[in-house]
Each structure stands twice: as structure tokens, then as C-alpha cells.
Amino acid sequence: MGWVPWIGIDEDDTSNEEVKQLYNETRNALTGEVSDLTRITSLSPEVAKCIDSLCSAVYRNASGLSAREKEVAALVTSSFVGCVH
């Protein structure tokens, strides 16, 4: 049996203009990808924007760590909580 998603998301080609704007505003500048967290909260764009803003603020303002150390911490944390991405 293949993967069956159980959380509804709006795809990139959605007709919902609010979600299109959300995806354009939160798209990663380097990869062009929209985060999974933004996608799974896309059915509530206002919530998705708040979560994205919080994540960005925490990441930007984490003092004492280099960019590389932040990425390693994110990787270890994701692995610890069972994130598959």
C-alpha cells in the first residue's frame, strides 16, 4: 500500500489566492520549497503565517550558535522526534 496522506494541504497550484500568497511569502529563497510545516497548516493561512514568523524569529535570533551549528541542532532534534524529512 502506498503513502496515504491524512492531513489535508493545499497544493502549489491551488486556486485559493490567500494560500498562494502564503506560499510565495514563505518559500525558501535558496531551494524554492515551501516548508512541510507551512503546508500542513495551509488550511489556516493566518496560523501558518504566525508559525512561520515564529520559526524565523527563533532561528534568526538564536545567539551563540553559528549557522552550521543551528542546522546540526535542527537535524538532531528532527531525528530525535522522529521527523522523516
N, C-alpha and C. Protein backbone atom coordinates (compact mmCIF):
# COMPACT_ATOMS: atom_id res chain seq x y z
N MET A 1 0.85 -1.18 0.00
CA MET A 1 0.00 0.00 0.00
C MET A 1 0.89 1.24 0.00
N GLY A 2 0.57 2.17 -0.84
CA GLY A 2 1.35 3.41 -0.93
C GLY A 2 1.01 4.38 0.18
N TRP A 3 1.72 5.50 0.17
CA TRP A 3 1.53 6.55 1.16
C TRP A 3 0.14 7.16 1.01
N VAL A 4 -0.59 7.24 2.10
CA VAL A 4 -1.91 7.86 2.10
C VAL A 4 -1.87 9.04 3.06
N PRO A 5 -1.86 10.27 2.53
CA PRO A 5 -1.81 11.43 3.43
C PRO A 5 -3.10 11.54 4.24
N TRP A 6 -2.96 11.88 5.50
CA TRP A 6 -4.14 12.03 6.34
C TRP A 6 -4.36 13.46 6.81
N ILE A 7 -3.46 14.35 6.42
CA ILE A 7 -3.63 15.77 6.72
C ILE A 7 -3.83 16.49 5.40
N GLY A 8 -4.93 17.20 5.27
CA GLY A 8 -5.20 17.92 4.03
C GLY A 8 -4.30 19.14 3.89
N ILE A 9 -3.80 19.34 2.68
CA ILE A 9 -2.98 20.52 2.40
C ILE A 9 -3.43 21.11 1.07
N ASP A 10 -3.10 22.37 0.87
CA ASP A 10 -3.31 22.99 -0.42
C ASP A 10 -2.03 22.83 -1.23
N GLU A 11 -2.17 22.38 -2.45
CA GLU A 11 -1.02 22.19 -3.34
C GLU A 11 -0.54 23.54 -3.87
N ASP A 12 0.64 23.53 -4.51
CA ASP A 12 1.21 24.77 -5.06
C ASP A 12 0.28 25.43 -6.08
N ASP A 13 -0.46 24.64 -6.81
CA ASP A 13 -1.34 25.18 -7.87
C ASP A 13 -2.77 25.43 -7.37
N THR A 14 -2.92 25.65 -6.08
CA THR A 14 -4.24 25.88 -5.50
C THR A 14 -4.92 27.11 -6.11
N SER A 15 -6.22 27.09 -6.11
CA SER A 15 -6.97 28.26 -6.60
C SER A 15 -7.23 29.26 -5.47
N ASN A 16 -6.87 28.90 -4.26
CA ASN A 16 -7.05 29.77 -3.10
C ASN A 16 -5.95 30.84 -3.11
N GLU A 17 -6.34 32.07 -3.38
CA GLU A 17 -5.37 33.16 -3.51
C GLU A 17 -4.63 33.43 -2.20
N GLU A 18 -5.30 33.27 -1.08
CA GLU A 18 -4.66 33.51 0.23
C GLU A 18 -3.53 32.50 0.46
N VAL A 19 -3.75 31.26 0.07
CA VAL A 19 -2.74 30.23 0.24
C VAL A 19 -1.61 30.43 -0.76
N LYS A 20 -1.93 30.83 -1.99
CA LYS A 20 -0.89 31.14 -2.97
C LYS A 20 0.04 32.22 -2.43
N GLN A 21 -0.55 33.26 -1.85
CA GLN A 21 0.24 34.35 -1.28
C GLN A 21 1.09 33.84 -0.12
N LEU A 22 0.51 33.01 0.74
CA LEU A 22 1.24 32.40 1.85
C LEU A 22 2.45 31.64 1.34
N TYR A 23 2.25 30.80 0.36
CA TYR A 23 3.35 30.00 -0.19
C TYR A 23 4.43 30.89 -0.80
N ASN A 24 4.03 31.94 -1.50
CA ASN A 24 5.01 32.84 -2.10
C ASN A 24 5.81 33.59 -1.04
N GLU A 25 5.16 33.98 0.05
CA GLU A 25 5.82 34.73 1.12
C GLU A 25 6.76 33.86 1.96
N THR A 26 6.45 32.57 2.07
CA THR A 26 7.22 31.70 2.97
C THR A 26 8.15 30.75 2.22
N ARG A 27 8.17 30.82 0.92
CA ARG A 27 9.02 29.93 0.11
C ARG A 27 10.50 30.16 0.43
N ASN A 28 11.26 29.10 0.59
CA ASN A 28 12.69 29.18 0.87
C ASN A 28 13.39 29.82 -0.32
N ALA A 29 14.14 30.88 -0.05
CA ALA A 29 14.80 31.63 -1.12
C ALA A 29 15.85 30.80 -1.85
N LEU A 30 16.48 29.86 -1.16
CA LEU A 30 17.54 29.05 -1.77
C LEU A 30 16.99 27.86 -2.56
N THR A 31 16.00 27.19 -1.99
CA THR A 31 15.51 25.96 -2.61
C THR A 31 14.22 26.14 -3.40
N GLY A 32 13.49 27.22 -3.10
CA GLY A 32 12.20 27.43 -3.75
C GLY A 32 11.09 26.57 -3.18
N GLU A 33 11.38 25.86 -2.09
CA GLU A 33 10.40 24.95 -1.48
C GLU A 33 9.61 25.64 -0.38
N VAL A 34 8.40 25.16 -0.18
CA VAL A 34 7.56 25.60 0.93
C VAL A 34 7.73 24.54 2.02
N SER A 35 7.93 24.97 3.26
CA SER A 35 8.17 24.01 4.34
C SER A 35 6.95 23.12 4.57
N ASP A 36 7.22 21.91 5.06
CA ASP A 36 6.14 20.98 5.38
C ASP A 36 5.22 21.57 6.45
N LEU A 37 5.81 22.28 7.41
CA LEU A 37 5.02 22.89 8.48
C LEU A 37 4.03 23.91 7.90
N THR A 38 4.49 24.70 6.95
CA THR A 38 3.59 25.66 6.30
C THR A 38 2.50 24.93 5.53
N ARG A 39 2.87 23.88 4.84
CA ARG A 39 1.88 23.11 4.06
C ARG A 39 0.80 22.50 4.95
N ILE A 40 1.21 21.90 6.08
CA ILE A 40 0.19 21.23 6.91
C ILE A 40 -0.70 22.21 7.66
N THR A 41 -0.28 23.47 7.72
CA THR A 41 -1.13 24.48 8.34
C THR A 41 -1.76 25.39 7.29
N SER A 42 -1.61 25.05 6.01
CA SER A 42 -2.09 25.90 4.92
C SER A 42 -3.60 26.07 4.88
N LEU A 43 -4.33 25.16 5.50
CA LEU A 43 -5.78 25.31 5.51
C LEU A 43 -6.22 26.44 6.45
N SER A 44 -5.28 26.91 7.27
CA SER A 44 -5.48 28.08 8.14
C SER A 44 -4.32 29.04 7.89
N PRO A 45 -4.36 29.78 6.77
CA PRO A 45 -3.22 30.62 6.39
C PRO A 45 -2.75 31.61 7.46
N GLU A 46 -3.67 32.15 8.24
CA GLU A 46 -3.27 33.09 9.29
C GLU A 46 -2.40 32.38 10.33
N VAL A 47 -2.77 31.18 10.69
CA VAL A 47 -1.98 30.39 11.64
C VAL A 47 -0.63 30.04 11.02
N ALA A 48 -0.64 29.64 9.75
CA ALA A 48 0.60 29.27 9.06
C ALA A 48 1.58 30.44 9.04
N LYS A 49 1.09 31.64 8.79
CA LYS A 49 1.96 32.83 8.76
C LYS A 49 2.57 33.09 10.14
N CYS A 50 1.75 32.93 11.19
CA CYS A 50 2.26 33.15 12.55
C CYS A 50 3.33 32.13 12.91
N ILE A 51 3.09 30.88 12.58
CA ILE A 51 4.07 29.83 12.89
C ILE A 51 5.36 30.08 12.12
N ASP A 52 5.25 30.45 10.84
CA ASP A 52 6.44 30.72 10.03
C ASP A 52 7.22 31.91 10.61
N SER A 53 6.51 32.94 11.02
CA SER A 53 7.17 34.11 11.61
C SER A 53 7.89 33.74 12.90
N LEU A 54 7.24 32.93 13.73
CA LEU A 54 7.86 32.49 14.98
C LEU A 54 9.12 31.67 14.70
N CYS A 55 9.03 30.71 13.79
CA CYS A 55 10.20 29.87 13.47
C CYS A 55 11.34 30.72 12.94
N SER A 56 11.02 31.66 12.07
CA SER A 56 12.06 32.53 11.50
C SER A 56 12.70 33.39 12.59
N ALA A 57 11.90 33.94 13.48
CA ALA A 57 12.43 34.79 14.55
C ALA A 57 13.32 33.99 15.49
N VAL A 58 12.90 32.80 15.85
CA VAL A 58 13.71 31.96 16.74
C VAL A 58 15.03 31.62 16.05
N TYR A 59 14.97 31.24 14.79
CA TYR A 59 16.18 30.85 14.07
C TYR A 59 17.14 32.03 13.90
N ARG A 60 16.60 33.19 13.53
CA ARG A 60 17.43 34.38 13.33
C ARG A 60 18.06 34.86 14.63
N ASN A 61 17.33 34.78 15.72
CA ASN A 61 17.78 35.38 16.98
C ASN A 61 18.46 34.40 17.92
N ALA A 62 18.67 33.17 17.49
CA ALA A 62 19.38 32.21 18.34
C ALA A 62 20.83 32.65 18.44
N SER A 63 21.20 33.12 19.59
CA SER A 63 22.56 33.63 19.74
C SER A 63 23.49 32.53 20.22
N GLY A 64 24.75 32.72 19.93
CA GLY A 64 25.76 31.79 20.41
C GLY A 64 26.00 30.60 19.50
N LEU A 65 25.22 30.46 18.44
CA LEU A 65 25.40 29.34 17.52
C LEU A 65 25.67 29.86 16.11
N SER A 66 26.57 29.20 15.41
CA SER A 66 26.80 29.54 14.01
C SER A 66 25.66 28.95 13.18
N ALA A 67 25.56 29.34 11.93
CA ALA A 67 24.53 28.79 11.05
C ALA A 67 24.66 27.28 10.94
N ARG A 68 25.89 26.81 10.86
CA ARG A 68 26.12 25.36 10.77
C ARG A 68 25.66 24.65 12.05
N GLU A 69 25.95 25.22 13.20
CA GLU A 69 25.54 24.62 14.47
C GLU A 69 24.01 24.60 14.58
N LYS A 70 23.35 25.65 14.10
CA LYS A 70 21.88 25.68 14.11
C LYS A 70 21.31 24.54 13.26
N GLU A 71 21.92 24.31 12.10
CA GLU A 71 21.46 23.24 11.21
C GLU A 71 21.67 21.87 11.85
N VAL A 72 22.80 21.69 12.51
CA VAL A 72 23.07 20.42 13.19
C VAL A 72 22.06 20.22 14.32
N ALA A 73 21.78 21.26 15.08
CA ALA A 73 20.80 21.17 16.16
C ALA A 73 19.42 20.82 15.61
N ALA A 74 19.05 21.43 14.49
CA ALA A 74 17.76 21.13 13.86
C ALA A 74 17.71 19.68 13.40
N LEU A 75 18.80 19.20 12.82
CA LEU A 75 18.87 17.81 12.35
C LEU A 75 18.73 16.83 13.50
N VAL A 76 19.46 17.07 14.57
CA VAL A 76 19.41 16.17 15.73
C VAL A 76 18.02 16.19 16.35
N THR A 77 17.45 17.37 16.49
CA THR A 77 16.11 17.49 17.07
C THR A 77 15.09 16.76 16.20
N SER A 78 15.16 16.97 14.89
CA SER A 78 14.22 16.30 13.99
C SER A 78 14.34 14.79 14.09
N SER A 79 15.57 14.32 14.14
CA SER A 79 15.81 12.88 14.27
C SER A 79 15.26 12.34 15.59
N PHE A 80 15.47 13.10 16.66
CA PHE A 80 15.02 12.70 17.99
C PHE A 80 13.50 12.56 18.06
N VAL A 81 12.79 13.50 17.42
CA VAL A 81 11.31 13.48 17.49
C VAL A 81 10.69 12.61 16.39
N GLY A 82 11.55 12.00 15.55
CA GLY A 82 11.03 11.07 14.55
C GLY A 82 10.61 11.70 13.25
N CYS A 83 11.08 12.90 12.96
CA CYS A 83 10.74 13.57 11.72
C CYS A 83 11.42 12.83 10.55
N VAL A 84 10.67 12.57 9.50
CA VAL A 84 11.23 11.82 8.37
C VAL A 84 11.85 12.71 7.31
N HIS A 85 11.80 14.01 7.48
CA HIS A 85 12.35 14.91 6.46
C HIS A 85 13.69 15.44 6.88
